[in-house]
């Protein structure tokens, strides 16, 4: 692996900021209303429900047949503010284990209130779920390997600064 030129990367980042980043007052409103749902795969529907509803405390809001694949479930969890985390199982397709790939999903970052963050961290400890804490973020994997981050910062903030 070649050495990384941090100075060149910082200069390129600043060039992009100067060229594309408008001050908040000058930014147009987004055409999106929010994330309707983000869909990932589940190899075991009940285990996924137990993890997301039981441990992370995201209420299951619906489960029905996937319109794109007969016999497959499409199910949703409320992750706050009208946003949903959705799952598909694809019985009979043998999709194999989750793998992170360059250009694929890296992680899903979910904002929680600090007291909820503490409570869920305690549950992760009690359940023996490995996690890595970096600053105020906890990184861990769901039962199928999808990487999650719990962060006790308000929506639209990162490291105490507004990003949205």
Protein backbone atom coordinates (compact mmCIF):
# COMPACT_ATOMS: atom_id res chain seq x y z
CA UNK A 1 0.00 0.00 0.00
CA UNK A 2 1.40 3.39 -0.95
CA UNK A 3 1.87 6.25 1.46
CA UNK A 4 -1.02 8.64 1.80
CA UNK A 5 -0.26 12.30 1.10
CA UNK A 6 -2.34 13.88 3.87
CA UNK A 7 -1.44 17.40 2.80
CA UNK A 8 -2.66 16.78 -0.75
CA UNK A 9 -5.87 15.23 0.57
CA UNK A 10 -6.47 18.24 2.84
CA UNK A 11 -5.86 20.62 -0.07
CA UNK A 12 -8.29 18.68 -2.29
CA UNK A 13 -10.91 18.72 0.48
CA UNK A 14 -10.55 22.48 0.87
CA UNK A 15 -10.81 22.95 -2.90
CA UNK A 16 -14.09 20.99 -2.88
CA UNK A 17 -15.40 23.00 0.06
CA UNK A 18 -14.52 26.27 -1.68
CA UNK A 19 -16.10 25.18 -4.97
CA UNK A 20 -19.29 23.43 -3.81
CA UNK A 21 -20.15 24.20 -0.18
CA UNK A 22 -22.57 27.08 0.17
CA UNK A 23 -23.13 28.89 3.44
CA UNK A 24 -26.28 27.64 5.20
CA UNK A 25 -28.23 30.81 4.35
CA UNK A 26 -27.41 30.37 0.64
CA UNK A 27 -28.21 26.66 0.34
CA UNK A 28 -31.34 25.65 -1.53
CA UNK A 29 -33.78 23.37 0.22
CA UNK A 30 -33.32 19.69 -0.54
CA UNK A 31 -35.76 18.08 -2.93
CA UNK A 32 -35.94 15.05 -0.59
CA UNK A 33 -38.29 14.83 2.38
CA UNK A 34 -36.05 12.35 4.23
CA UNK A 35 -35.19 8.69 4.08
CA UNK A 36 -38.38 6.77 3.34
CA UNK A 37 -36.61 3.55 4.21
CA UNK A 38 -33.22 1.99 3.91
CA UNK A 39 -33.40 -1.70 3.01
CA UNK A 40 -30.91 -4.37 4.02
CA UNK A 41 -31.03 -8.15 4.07
CA UNK A 42 -32.07 -10.50 6.83
CA UNK A 43 -31.25 -14.21 6.86
CA UNK A 44 -33.61 -14.86 9.80
CA UNK A 45 -36.69 -12.67 10.19
CA UNK A 46 -37.42 -13.52 13.82
CA UNK A 47 -33.79 -13.06 14.90
CA UNK A 48 -33.74 -9.68 13.15
CA UNK A 49 -36.94 -8.62 14.93
CA UNK A 50 -35.54 -9.74 18.29
CA UNK A 51 -32.37 -7.72 17.69
CA UNK A 52 -33.84 -4.49 16.33
CA UNK A 53 -36.98 -4.37 18.46
CA UNK A 54 -35.73 -6.21 21.53
CA UNK A 55 -32.21 -4.85 21.91
CA UNK A 56 -32.16 -1.58 19.96
CA UNK A 57 -35.78 -0.73 20.84
CA UNK A 58 -36.87 0.14 17.29
CA UNK A 59 -40.57 -0.80 17.04
CA UNK A 60 -41.55 -3.21 14.28
CA UNK A 61 -44.18 -1.32 12.27
CA UNK A 62 -45.22 -3.77 9.54
CA UNK A 63 -44.39 -7.03 7.80
CA UNK A 64 -45.81 -8.14 4.47
CA UNK A 65 -44.85 -10.06 1.35
CA UNK A 66 -42.16 -8.43 -0.77
CA UNK A 67 -43.73 -7.27 -4.04
CA UNK A 68 -40.55 -8.13 -5.96
CA UNK A 69 -40.07 -11.72 -4.78
CA UNK A 70 -42.93 -14.05 -3.84
CA UNK A 71 -42.50 -15.67 -0.43
CA UNK A 72 -40.05 -13.01 0.75
CA UNK A 73 -40.87 -10.79 3.71
CA UNK A 74 -40.51 -7.02 3.68
CA UNK A 75 -40.55 -5.62 7.21
CA UNK A 76 -40.01 -2.23 8.75
CA UNK A 77 -38.74 -0.69 11.99
CA UNK A 78 -39.41 2.86 13.13
CA UNK A 79 -36.09 4.68 13.54
CA UNK A 80 -37.67 8.02 14.40
CA UNK A 81 -38.80 11.17 12.60
CA UNK A 82 -40.85 9.27 10.04
CA UNK A 83 -37.85 7.24 8.85
CA UNK A 84 -37.71 3.47 8.60
CA UNK A 85 -35.12 0.74 8.46
CA UNK A 86 -36.47 -2.07 6.29
CA UNK A 87 -35.41 -5.64 5.69
CA UNK A 88 -35.93 -8.32 3.09
CA UNK A 89 -35.40 -12.01 3.46
CA UNK A 90 -35.03 -13.93 0.22
CA UNK A 91 -35.79 -17.56 1.05
CA UNK A 92 -34.32 -19.99 -1.44
CA UNK A 93 -31.80 -17.56 -2.94
CA UNK A 94 -28.86 -18.49 -0.66
CA UNK A 95 -27.39 -15.00 -0.76
CA UNK A 96 -24.51 -15.92 1.54
CA UNK A 97 -23.08 -13.88 4.37
CA UNK A 98 -23.02 -10.09 4.41
CA UNK A 99 -19.80 -8.58 3.07
CA UNK A 100 -18.62 -5.03 3.06
CA UNK A 101 -17.31 -4.11 -0.35
CA UNK A 102 -15.74 -0.97 -1.72
CA UNK A 103 -18.61 1.15 -2.94
CA UNK A 104 -21.14 -0.74 -0.80
CA UNK A 105 -22.82 0.09 2.46
CA UNK A 106 -20.25 0.96 5.12
CA UNK A 107 -22.55 1.53 8.10
CA UNK A 108 -25.88 2.94 9.19
CA UNK A 109 -25.51 5.74 11.76
CA UNK A 110 -28.51 6.17 14.06
CA UNK A 111 -29.02 9.11 16.40
CA UNK A 112 -30.25 8.39 19.93
CA UNK A 113 -30.82 10.46 23.03
CA UNK A 114 -27.86 10.12 25.46
CA UNK A 115 -29.94 8.21 28.04
CA UNK A 116 -31.13 5.75 25.37
CA UNK A 117 -27.56 5.40 24.11
CA UNK A 118 -26.45 4.40 27.62
CA UNK A 119 -29.33 1.95 28.02
CA UNK A 120 -28.66 0.28 24.66
CA UNK A 121 -24.92 0.11 25.39
CA UNK A 122 -25.78 -1.73 28.63
CA UNK A 123 -27.97 -4.13 26.64
CA UNK A 124 -25.14 -4.77 24.15
CA UNK A 125 -22.86 -5.60 27.10
CA UNK A 126 -25.46 -7.86 28.69
CA UNK A 127 -26.07 -9.70 25.40
CA UNK A 128 -22.34 -10.10 24.75
CA UNK A 129 -22.50 -8.13 21.51
CA UNK A 130 -19.06 -6.87 20.57
CA UNK A 131 -18.74 -3.18 19.84
CA UNK A 132 -16.08 -0.58 19.45
CA UNK A 133 -16.49 2.82 21.00
CA UNK A 134 -14.82 5.72 19.24
CA UNK A 135 -15.50 8.97 21.03
CA UNK A 136 -19.23 9.05 21.64
CA UNK A 137 -20.06 6.55 18.88
CA UNK A 138 -20.57 2.82 19.31
CA UNK A 139 -19.95 0.62 16.26
CA UNK A 140 -21.27 -2.94 16.16
CA UNK A 141 -22.86 -5.44 13.79
CA UNK A 142 -26.37 -6.79 13.57
CA UNK A 143 -26.91 -10.57 13.43
CA UNK A 144 -26.32 -10.58 9.66
CA UNK A 145 -23.15 -8.47 9.83
CA UNK A 146 -24.50 -5.05 8.84
CA UNK A 147 -22.40 -2.46 10.63
CA UNK A 148 -24.35 0.01 12.78
CA UNK A 149 -23.33 3.13 14.64
CA UNK A 150 -25.23 4.57 17.58
CA UNK A 151 -24.41 8.20 18.12
CA UNK A 152 -25.88 10.34 20.93
CA UNK A 153 -25.81 13.54 18.88
CA UNK A 154 -28.87 15.33 17.54
CA UNK A 155 -29.86 14.76 13.93
CA UNK A 156 -27.95 17.07 11.63
CA UNK A 157 -24.92 17.39 13.92
CA UNK A 158 -21.49 15.78 13.86
CA UNK A 159 -18.91 16.43 16.54
CA UNK A 160 -21.03 19.26 17.90
CA UNK A 161 -21.24 21.09 14.56
CA UNK A 162 -24.22 21.40 12.21
CA UNK A 163 -23.80 19.32 9.05
CA UNK A 164 -27.39 19.71 7.80
